[in-house]
PDB file of N, CA and C in Angstrom:
ATOM      1  N   UNK A   1       0.689  -1.194   0.001  1.00  0.00           N
ATOM      2  CA  UNK A   1      -0.112  -0.037  -0.081  1.00  0.00           C
ATOM      3  C   UNK A   1       0.909   1.079  -0.019  1.00  0.00           C
ATOM      4  N   UNK A   2       0.564   2.343  -0.864  1.00  0.00           N
ATOM      5  CA  UNK A   2       1.171   3.476  -1.063  1.00  0.00           C
ATOM      6  C   UNK A   2       1.057   4.242   0.449  1.00  0.00           C
ATOM      7  N   UNK A   3       2.026   4.998   0.735  1.00  0.00           N
ATOM      8  CA  UNK A   3       2.060   5.973   1.927  1.00  0.00           C
ATOM      9  C   UNK A   3       1.103   6.853   2.033  1.00  0.00           C
ATOM     10  N   UNK A   4       0.775   7.307   0.680  1.00  0.00           N
ATOM     11  CA  UNK A   4      -0.601   8.369   0.527  1.00  0.00           C
ATOM     12  C   UNK A   4      -1.439   7.636   0.703  1.00  0.00           C
ATOM     13  N   UNK A   5      -1.869   6.489   0.348  1.00  0.00           N
ATOM     14  CA  UNK A   5      -3.323   5.721   0.407  1.00  0.00           C
ATOM     15  C   UNK A   5      -3.455   5.671   2.070  1.00  0.00           C
ATOM     16  N   UNK A   6      -2.410   5.359   2.830  1.00  0.00           N
ATOM     17  CA  UNK A   6      -2.186   4.908   4.212  1.00  0.00           C
ATOM     18  C   UNK A   6      -2.753   6.359   4.868  1.00  0.00           C
ATOM     19  N   UNK A   7      -2.194   7.417   4.603  1.00  0.00           N
ATOM     20  CA  UNK A   7      -2.398   8.818   5.051  1.00  0.00           C
ATOM     21  C   UNK A   7      -3.982   9.181   4.934  1.00  0.00           C
ATOM     22  N   UNK A   8      -4.293   8.786   3.700  1.00  0.00           N
ATOM     23  CA  UNK A   8      -5.783   9.224   3.463  1.00  0.00           C
ATOM     24  C   UNK A   8      -6.643   8.554   4.102  1.00  0.00           C
ATOM     25  N   UNK A   9      -6.576   7.196   4.221  1.00  0.00           N
ATOM     26  CA  UNK A   9      -7.348   6.065   5.109  1.00  0.00           C
ATOM     27  C   UNK A   9      -7.502   6.734   6.539  1.00  0.00           C
ATOM     28  N   UNK A  10      -6.179   6.959   7.196  1.00  0.00           N
ATOM     29  CA  UNK A  10      -6.297   7.389   8.581  1.00  0.00           C
ATOM     30  C   UNK A  10      -7.028   8.742   8.684  1.00  0.00           C
ATOM     31  N   UNK A  11      -6.796   9.674   8.010  1.00  0.00           N
ATOM     32  CA  UNK A  11      -7.521  10.958   8.103  1.00  0.00           C
ATOM     33  C   UNK A  11      -9.125  10.886   7.982  1.00  0.00           C
ATOM     34  N   UNK A  12      -9.546   9.880   6.746  1.00  0.00           N
ATOM     35  CA  UNK A  12     -11.027   9.632   6.620  1.00  0.00           C
ATOM     36  C   UNK A  12     -11.476   8.936   7.599  1.00  0.00           C
ATOM     37  N   UNK A  13     -10.816   7.972   8.243  1.00  0.00           N
ATOM     38  CA  UNK A  13     -11.432   7.479   9.675  1.00  0.00           C
ATOM     39  C   UNK A  13     -11.422   8.273  10.557  1.00  0.00           C
ATOM     40  N   UNK A  14     -10.463   9.324  10.688  1.00  0.00           N
ATOM     41  CA  UNK A  14     -10.298  10.137  12.037  1.00  0.00           C
ATOM     42  C   UNK A  14     -11.541  11.320  11.998  1.00  0.00           C
ATOM     43  N   UNK A  15     -11.377  11.938  10.673  1.00  0.00           N
ATOM     44  CA  UNK A  15     -12.239  13.184  10.561  1.00  0.00           C
ATOM     45  C   UNK A  15     -13.344  13.149   9.717  1.00  0.00           C
ATOM     46  N   UNK A  16     -13.740  11.941   9.109  1.00  0.00           N
ATOM     47  CA  UNK A  16     -14.860  11.877   8.065  1.00  0.00           C
ATOM     48  C   UNK A  16     -14.740  13.301   7.388  1.00  0.00           C
ATOM     49  N   UNK A  17     -13.892  13.653   6.796  1.00  0.00           N
ATOM     50  CA  UNK A  17     -13.939  14.850   5.768  1.00  0.00           C
ATOM     51  C   UNK A  17     -14.741  14.814   4.615  1.00  0.00           C
ATOM     52  N   UNK A  18     -15.441  16.264   4.673  1.00  0.00           N
ATOM     53  CA  UNK A  18     -16.119  16.744   3.178  1.00  0.00           C
ATOM     54  C   UNK A  18     -15.248  16.642   1.976  1.00  0.00           C
ATOM     55  N   UNK A  19     -13.964  16.912   2.263  1.00  0.00           N
ATOM     56  CA  UNK A  19     -13.065  16.591   0.901  1.00  0.00           C
ATOM     57  C   UNK A  19     -11.474  16.562   1.573  1.00  0.00           C
ATOM     58  N   UNK A  20     -11.023  15.688   0.863  1.00  0.00           N
ATOM     59  CA  UNK A  20      -9.327  15.409   1.163  1.00  0.00           C
ATOM     60  C   UNK A  20      -8.547  15.214  -0.312  1.00  0.00           C
ATOM     61  N   UNK A  21      -7.517  15.767  -0.385  1.00  0.00           N
ATOM     62  CA  UNK A  21      -6.607  15.367  -1.176  1.00  0.00           C
ATOM     63  C   UNK A  21      -5.041  15.326  -0.669  1.00  0.00           C
ATOM     64  N   UNK A  22      -4.459  14.142  -0.646  1.00  0.00           N
ATOM     65  CA  UNK A  22      -3.165  14.009  -0.102  1.00  0.00           C
ATOM     66  C   UNK A  22      -2.110  13.871  -1.249  1.00  0.00           C
ATOM     67  N   UNK A  23      -1.208  14.887  -1.458  1.00  0.00           N
ATOM     68  CA  UNK A  23      -0.270  14.967  -2.603  1.00  0.00           C
ATOM     69  C   UNK A  23       1.157  14.362  -2.281  1.00  0.00           C
ATOM     70  N   UNK A  24       1.623  13.562  -3.011  1.00  0.00           N
ATOM     71  CA  UNK A  24       2.842  13.090  -2.831  1.00  0.00           C
ATOM     72  C   UNK A  24       3.987  14.006  -3.734  1.00  0.00           C
ATOM     73  N   UNK A  25       4.607  14.757  -2.980  1.00  0.00           N
ATOM     74  CA  UNK A  25       5.482  15.949  -3.369  1.00  0.00           C
ATOM     75  C   UNK A  25       6.924  15.575  -3.372  1.00  0.00           C
ATOM     76  N   UNK A  26       7.061  14.201  -3.199  1.00  0.00           N
ATOM     77  CA  UNK A  26       8.865  13.630  -3.027  1.00  0.00           C
ATOM     78  C   UNK A  26       9.414  13.918  -4.048  1.00  0.00           C
ATOM     79  N   UNK A  27       8.953  14.206  -5.250  1.00  0.00           N
ATOM     80  CA  UNK A  27       9.716  14.109  -6.614  1.00  0.00           C
ATOM     81  C   UNK A  27      10.282  15.543  -6.393  1.00  0.00           C
ATOM     82  N   UNK A  28       9.625  16.493  -5.812  1.00  0.00           N
ATOM     83  CA  UNK A  28      10.179  17.803  -5.763  1.00  0.00           C
ATOM     84  C   UNK A  28      11.251  18.042  -4.869  1.00  0.00           C
ATOM     85  N   UNK A  29      11.446  17.213  -4.193  1.00  0.00           N
ATOM     86  CA  UNK A  29      12.825  17.134  -3.099  1.00  0.00           C
ATOM     87  C   UNK A  29      13.914  16.481  -3.217  1.00  0.00           C
ATOM     88  N   UNK A  30      14.079  15.858  -4.638  1.00  0.00           N
ATOM     89  CA  UNK A  30      15.289  14.971  -4.780  1.00  0.00           C
ATOM     90  C   UNK A  30      16.458  15.933  -4.494  1.00  0.00           C
ATOM     91  N   UNK A  31      17.321  15.317  -3.842  1.00  0.00           N
ATOM     92  CA  UNK A  31      18.550  15.798  -3.495  1.00  0.00           C
ATOM     93  C   UNK A  31      18.480  16.553  -2.018  1.00  0.00           C
ATOM     94  N   UNK A  32      17.369  16.669  -1.435  1.00  0.00           N
ATOM     95  CA  UNK A  32      17.214  17.304  -0.583  1.00  0.00           C
ATOM     96  C   UNK A  32      17.353  16.402   0.745  1.00  0.00           C
ATOM     97  N   UNK A  33      17.251  16.802   2.172  1.00  0.00           N
ATOM     98  CA  UNK A  33      17.141  16.170   3.042  1.00  0.00           C
ATOM     99  C   UNK A  33      16.149  15.221   3.432  1.00  0.00           C
ATOM    100  N   UNK A  34      16.172  13.995   3.813  1.00  0.00           N
ATOM    101  CA  UNK A  34      14.631  13.271   3.633  1.00  0.00           C
ATOM    102  C   UNK A  34      14.390  12.711   2.729  1.00  0.00           C
ATOM    103  N   UNK A  35      14.794  13.032   1.580  1.00  0.00           N
ATOM    104  CA  UNK A  35      14.273  12.496   0.125  1.00  0.00           C
ATOM    105  C   UNK A  35      14.946  10.878   0.239  1.00  0.00           C
ATOM    106  N   UNK A  36      14.153   9.997  -0.482  1.00  0.00           N
ATOM    107  CA  UNK A  36      14.587   8.600  -0.562  1.00  0.00           C
ATOM    108  C   UNK A  36      14.255   8.063  -1.791  1.00  0.00           C
ATOM    109  N   UNK A  37      15.325   7.382  -2.349  1.00  0.00           N
ATOM    110  CA  UNK A  37      14.715   6.766  -3.740  1.00  0.00           C
ATOM    111  C   UNK A  37      13.403   6.149  -3.341  1.00  0.00           C
ATOM    112  N   UNK A  38      12.568   6.306  -4.569  1.00  0.00           N
ATOM    113  CA  UNK A  38      11.114   5.667  -4.517  1.00  0.00           C
ATOM    114  C   UNK A  38      10.098   6.740  -4.006  1.00  0.00           C
ATOM    115  N   UNK A  39      10.748   7.667  -3.571  1.00  0.00           N
ATOM    116  CA  UNK A  39       9.640   8.611  -2.878  1.00  0.00           C
ATOM    117  C   UNK A  39       9.034   8.477  -1.657  1.00  0.00           C
ATOM    118  N   UNK A  40       7.794   8.833  -1.671  1.00  0.00           N
ATOM    119  CA  UNK A  40       6.842   8.719  -0.237  1.00  0.00           C
ATOM    120  C   UNK A  40       7.423   9.240   0.818  1.00  0.00           C
ATOM    121  N   UNK A  41       7.802  10.551   0.939  1.00  0.00           N
ATOM    122  CA  UNK A  41       8.646  11.099   1.882  1.00  0.00           C
ATOM    123  C   UNK A  41       8.123  12.180   2.168  1.00  0.00           C
ATOM    124  N   UNK A  42       7.374  12.958   1.169  1.00  0.00           N
ATOM    125  CA  UNK A  42       7.151  14.455   1.443  1.00  0.00           C
ATOM    126  C   UNK A  42       5.746  14.415   0.849  1.00  0.00           C
ATOM    127  N   UNK A  43       4.988  14.992   1.514  1.00  0.00           N
ATOM    128  CA  UNK A  43       3.353  15.204   1.344  1.00  0.00           C
ATOM    129  C   UNK A  43       2.700  16.288   1.600  1.00  0.00           C
ATOM    130  N   UNK A  44       1.665  16.723   1.082  1.00  0.00           N
ATOM    131  CA  UNK A  44       1.015  17.913   1.112  1.00  0.00           C
ATOM    132  C   UNK A  44      -0.651  17.403   1.167  1.00  0.00           C
ATOM    133  N   UNK A  45      -1.155  18.052   2.373  1.00  0.00           N
ATOM    134  CA  UNK A  45      -2.761  17.649   2.858  1.00  0.00           C
ATOM    135  C   UNK A  45      -3.404  18.870   2.592  1.00  0.00           C
ATOM    136  N   UNK A  46      -4.570  18.341   1.829  1.00  0.00           N
ATOM    137  CA  UNK A  46      -5.625  19.255   1.836  1.00  0.00           C
ATOM    138  C   UNK A  46      -6.923  18.858   2.400  1.00  0.00           C
ATOM    139  N   UNK A  47      -7.426  19.353   3.377  1.00  0.00           N
ATOM    140  CA  UNK A  47      -8.587  18.621   4.053  1.00  0.00           C
ATOM    141  C   UNK A  47      -9.615  19.720   4.561  1.00  0.00           C
ATOM    142  N   UNK A  48     -10.734  19.170   4.473  1.00  0.00           N
ATOM    143  CA  UNK A  48     -12.061  19.913   4.875  1.00  0.00           C
ATOM    144  C   UNK A  48     -12.861  18.998   5.767  1.00  0.00           C
ATOM    145  N   UNK A  49     -12.919  19.446   6.913  1.00  0.00           N
ATOM    146  CA  UNK A  49     -13.747  18.671   7.902  1.00  0.00           C
ATOM    147  C   UNK A  49     -14.470  19.418   9.154  1.00  0.00           C
ATOM    148  N   UNK A  50     -15.444  18.953   9.211  1.00  0.00           N
ATOM    149  CA  UNK A  50     -16.256  19.664  10.730  1.00  0.00           C
ATOM    150  C   UNK A  50     -15.627  19.502  11.610  1.00  0.00           C
ATOM    151  N   UNK A  51     -14.750  18.656  12.046  1.00  0.00           N
ATOM    152  CA  UNK A  51     -14.031  18.315  13.161  1.00  0.00           C
ATOM    153  C   UNK A  51     -13.156  19.411  13.249  1.00  0.00           C
ATOM    154  N   UNK A  52     -12.729  20.263  12.322  1.00  0.00           N
ATOM    155  CA  UNK A  52     -11.793  21.613  12.635  1.00  0.00           C
ATOM    156  C   UNK A  52     -12.637  22.980  12.919  1.00  0.00           C
ATOM    157  N   UNK A  53     -13.758  22.663  12.989  1.00  0.00           N
ATOM    158  CA  UNK A  53     -14.701  24.103  13.171  1.00  0.00           C
ATOM    159  C   UNK A  53     -14.425  24.735  14.519  1.00  0.00           C
ATOM    160  N   UNK A  54     -13.879  25.669  14.700  1.00  0.00           N
ATOM    161  CA  UNK A  54     -13.636  26.278  16.032  1.00  0.00           C
ATOM    162  C   UNK A  54     -12.352  26.177  16.575  1.00  0.00           C
ATOM    163  N   UNK A  55     -11.425  25.469  15.553  1.00  0.00           N
ATOM    164  CA  UNK A  55     -10.181  25.013  16.028  1.00  0.00           C
ATOM    165  C   UNK A  55      -9.133  26.194  15.499  1.00  0.00           C
ATOM    166  N   UNK A  56      -8.203  26.183  16.240  1.00  0.00           N
ATOM    167  CA  UNK A  56      -6.923  26.998  15.626  1.00  0.00           C
ATOM    168  C   UNK A  56      -6.202  26.417  14.537  1.00  0.00           C
ATOM    169  N   UNK A  57      -5.518  26.933  13.873  1.00  0.00           N
ATOM    170  CA  UNK A  57      -4.616  26.251  12.756  1.00  0.00           C
ATOM    171  C   UNK A  57      -3.785  25.248  13.470  1.00  0.00           C
ATOM    172  N   UNK A  58      -3.103  25.957  14.566  1.00  0.00           N
ATOM    173  CA  UNK A  58      -2.052  24.819  15.482  1.00  0.00           C
ATOM    174  C   UNK A  58      -2.898  23.860  16.087  1.00  0.00           C
ATOM    175  N   UNK A  59      -4.089  23.960  16.413  1.00  0.00           N
ATOM    176  CA  UNK A  59      -4.821  22.798  16.876  1.00  0.00           C
ATOM    177  C   UNK A  59      -5.122  21.792  15.759  1.00  0.00           C
ATOM    178  N   UNK A  60      -5.605  22.231  14.659  1.00  0.00           N
ATOM    179  CA  UNK A  60      -5.845  21.263  13.662  1.00  0.00           C
ATOM    180  C   UNK A  60      -4.673  20.576  13.156  1.00  0.00           C
ATOM    181  N   UNK A  61      -3.660  21.394  12.919  1.00  0.00           N
ATOM    182  CA  UNK A  61      -2.244  20.543  12.852  1.00  0.00           C
ATOM    183  C   UNK A  61      -1.870  19.501  13.797  1.00  0.00           C
ATOM    184  N   UNK A  62      -2.007  19.645  15.017  1.00  0.00           N
ATOM    185  CA  UNK A  62      -1.734  19.006  16.146  1.00  0.00           C
ATOM    186  C   UNK A  62      -2.715  17.754  16.038  1.00  0.00           C
ATOM    187  N   UNK A  63      -3.958  17.945  15.777  1.00  0.00           N
ATOM    188  CA  UNK A  63      -5.012  16.751  15.511  1.00  0.00           C
ATOM    189  C   UNK A  63      -4.639  15.886  14.577  1.00  0.00           C
ATOM    190  N   UNK A  64      -4.020  16.476  13.236  1.00  0.00           N
ATOM    191  CA  UNK A  64      -3.604  15.757  12.176  1.00  0.00           C
ATOM    192  C   UNK A  64      -2.327  14.890  12.571  1.00  0.00           C
ATOM    193  N   UNK A  65      -1.328  15.442  13.007  1.00  0.00           N
ATOM    194  CA  UNK A  65       0.039  14.996  13.687  1.00  0.00           C
ATOM    195  C   UNK A  65      -0.242  13.882  14.476  1.00  0.00           C
ATOM    196  N   UNK A  66      -1.192  14.074  15.504  1.00  0.00           N
ATOM    197  CA  UNK A  66      -1.607  12.954  16.268  1.00  0.00           C
ATOM    198  C   UNK A  66      -2.078  11.665  15.582  1.00  0.00           C
ATOM    199  N   UNK A  67      -3.009  11.750  14.528  1.00  0.00           N
ATOM    200  CA  UNK A  67      -3.278  10.691  13.999  1.00  0.00           C
ATOM    201  C   UNK A  67      -2.326  10.103  13.108  1.00  0.00           C
ATOM    202  N   UNK A  68      -1.365  10.728  12.743  1.00  0.00           N
ATOM    203  CA  UNK A  68      -0.309  10.239  11.794  1.00  0.00           C
ATOM    204  C   UNK A  68       0.984  10.072  12.420  1.00  0.00           C
ATOM    205  N   UNK A  69       1.011  10.159  13.709  1.00  0.00           N
ATOM    206  CA  UNK A  69       2.360   9.931  14.544  1.00  0.00           C
ATOM    207  C   UNK A  69       3.117   8.762  14.050  1.00  0.00           C
ATOM    208  N   UNK A  70       2.627   7.647  13.856  1.00  0.00           N
ATOM    209  CA  UNK A  70       3.545   6.819  13.557  1.00  0.00           C
ATOM    210  C   UNK A  70       4.237   6.865  12.241  1.00  0.00           C
ATOM    211  N   UNK A  71       3.421   7.314  11.337  1.00  0.00           N
ATOM    212  CA  UNK A  71       4.024   7.442   9.863  1.00  0.00           C
ATOM    213  C   UNK A  71       5.073   8.757  10.073  1.00  0.00           C
ATOM    214  N   UNK A  72       4.578   9.874  10.854  1.00  0.00           N
ATOM    215  CA  UNK A  72       5.740  10.742  10.867  1.00  0.00           C
ATOM    216  C   UNK A  72       7.127  10.194  11.591  1.00  0.00           C
ATOM    217  N   UNK A  73       6.858   9.376  12.515  1.00  0.00           N
ATOM    218  CA  UNK A  73       8.096   8.604  13.459  1.00  0.00           C
ATOM    219  C   UNK A  73       8.619   7.796  12.392  1.00  0.00           C
ATOM    220  N   UNK A  74       8.155   7.293  11.094  1.00  0.00           N
ATOM    221  CA  UNK A  74       8.879   6.318  10.280  1.00  0.00           C
ATOM    222  C   UNK A  74       9.299   7.081   9.074  1.00  0.00           C
ATOM    223  N   UNK A  75       8.649   6.851   8.001  1.00  0.00           N
ATOM    224  CA  UNK A  75       9.228   7.205   6.688  1.00  0.00           C
ATOM    225  C   UNK A  75       8.894   8.712   6.229  1.00  0.00           C
ATOM    226  N   UNK A  76       7.867   9.149   6.825  1.00  0.00           N
ATOM    227  CA  UNK A  76       7.135  10.444   6.239  1.00  0.00           C
ATOM    228  C   UNK A  76       8.194  11.688   6.896  1.00  0.00           C
ATOM    229  N   UNK A  77       8.792  12.298   5.887  1.00  0.00           N
ATOM    230  CA  UNK A  77       9.990  13.195   6.294  1.00  0.00           C
ATOM    231  C   UNK A  77       9.288  14.588   6.582  1.00  0.00           C
ATOM    232  N   UNK A  78       8.475  14.956   5.605  1.00  0.00           N
ATOM    233  CA  UNK A  78       7.763  16.382   5.660  1.00  0.00           C
ATOM    234  C   UNK A  78       6.465  16.270   5.354  1.00  0.00           C
ATOM    235  N   UNK A  79       5.641  16.927   5.799  1.00  0.00           N
ATOM    236  CA  UNK A  79       3.970  17.203   5.779  1.00  0.00           C
ATOM    237  C   UNK A  79       3.537  18.625   5.843  1.00  0.00           C
ATOM    238  N   UNK A  80       2.848  19.084   4.700  1.00  0.00           N
ATOM    239  CA  UNK A  80       2.477  20.367   4.712  1.00  0.00           C
ATOM    240  C   UNK A  80       1.051  20.393   4.819  1.00  0.00           C
ATOM    241  N   UNK A  81       0.257  20.947   5.786  1.00  0.00           N
ATOM    242  CA  UNK A  81      -0.994  21.000   5.974  1.00  0.00           C
ATOM    243  C   UNK A  81      -2.021  22.000   5.489  1.00  0.00           C
ATOM    244  N   UNK A  82      -3.020  21.710   4.984  1.00  0.00           N
ATOM    245  CA  UNK A  82      -4.229  22.792   4.525  1.00  0.00           C
ATOM    246  C   UNK A  82      -5.395  22.311   5.146  1.00  0.00           C
ATOM    247  N   UNK A  83      -5.690  22.582   6.421  1.00  0.00           N
ATOM    248  CA  UNK A  83      -7.066  22.022   7.130  1.00  0.00           C
ATOM    249  C   UNK A  83      -7.892  23.170   7.488  1.00  0.00           C
ATOM    250  N   UNK A  84      -9.064  22.793   6.939  1.00  0.00           N
ATOM    251  CA  UNK A  84     -10.402  23.794   6.900  1.00  0.00           C
ATOM    252  C   UNK A  84     -11.644  23.066   7.461  1.00  0.00           C
ATOM    253  N   UNK A  85     -12.436  23.927   8.035  1.00  0.00           N
ATOM    254  CA  UNK A  85     -13.706  23.670   8.289  1.00  0.00           C
ATOM    255  C   UNK A  85     -14.425  24.116   7.172  1.00  0.00           C
ATOM    256  N   UNK A  86     -15.537  23.299   6.898  1.00  0.00           N
ATOM    257  CA  UNK A  86     -16.619  23.647   5.841  1.00  0.00           C
ATOM    258  C   UNK A  86     -16.768  25.262   6.063  1.00  0.00           C
ATOM    259  N   UNK A  87     -16.919  25.809   4.621  1.00  0.00           N
ATOM    260  CA  UNK A  87     -17.129  27.183   4.744  1.00  0.00           C
ATOM    261  C   UNK A  87     -16.049  27.961   4.696  1.00  0.00           C
ATOM    262  N   UNK A  88     -14.769  27.601   5.216  1.00  0.00           N
ATOM    263  CA  UNK A  88     -13.822  28.263   5.068  1.00  0.00           C
ATOM    264  C   UNK A  88     -12.941  28.451   3.718  1.00  0.00           C
ATOM    265  N   UNK A  89     -12.062  29.124   3.597  1.00  0.00           N
ATOM    266  CA  UNK A  89     -11.164  29.387   2.495  1.00  0.00           C
ATOM    267  C   UNK A  89     -10.120  28.102   2.685  1.00  0.00           C
ATOM    268  N   UNK A  90      -9.913  27.488   1.472  1.00  0.00           N
ATOM    269  CA  UNK A  90      -9.068  26.504   1.493  1.00  0.00           C
ATOM    270  C   UNK A  90      -7.703  26.652   1.166  1.00  0.00           C
TER     271      UNK A  90
END
């Protein structure tokens, strides 16, 4: 299973998002720290969920980081997060 698919599944299970897009940006980081052959190390997440309503940006990131703690401790080197509640700009 691709890391992107694992991240998507975990976030779907945790937040029941209205929309989610997990983008593998590993190819953009060739030659940089944390890059490895085969990629699957650098990701960007766009997620919209009611679970983020009333939460600060930092709280939203903490929520996502908690769900993905095992992945972040393993092979995921970088994670860019764009988390919004429904109706907010993405």
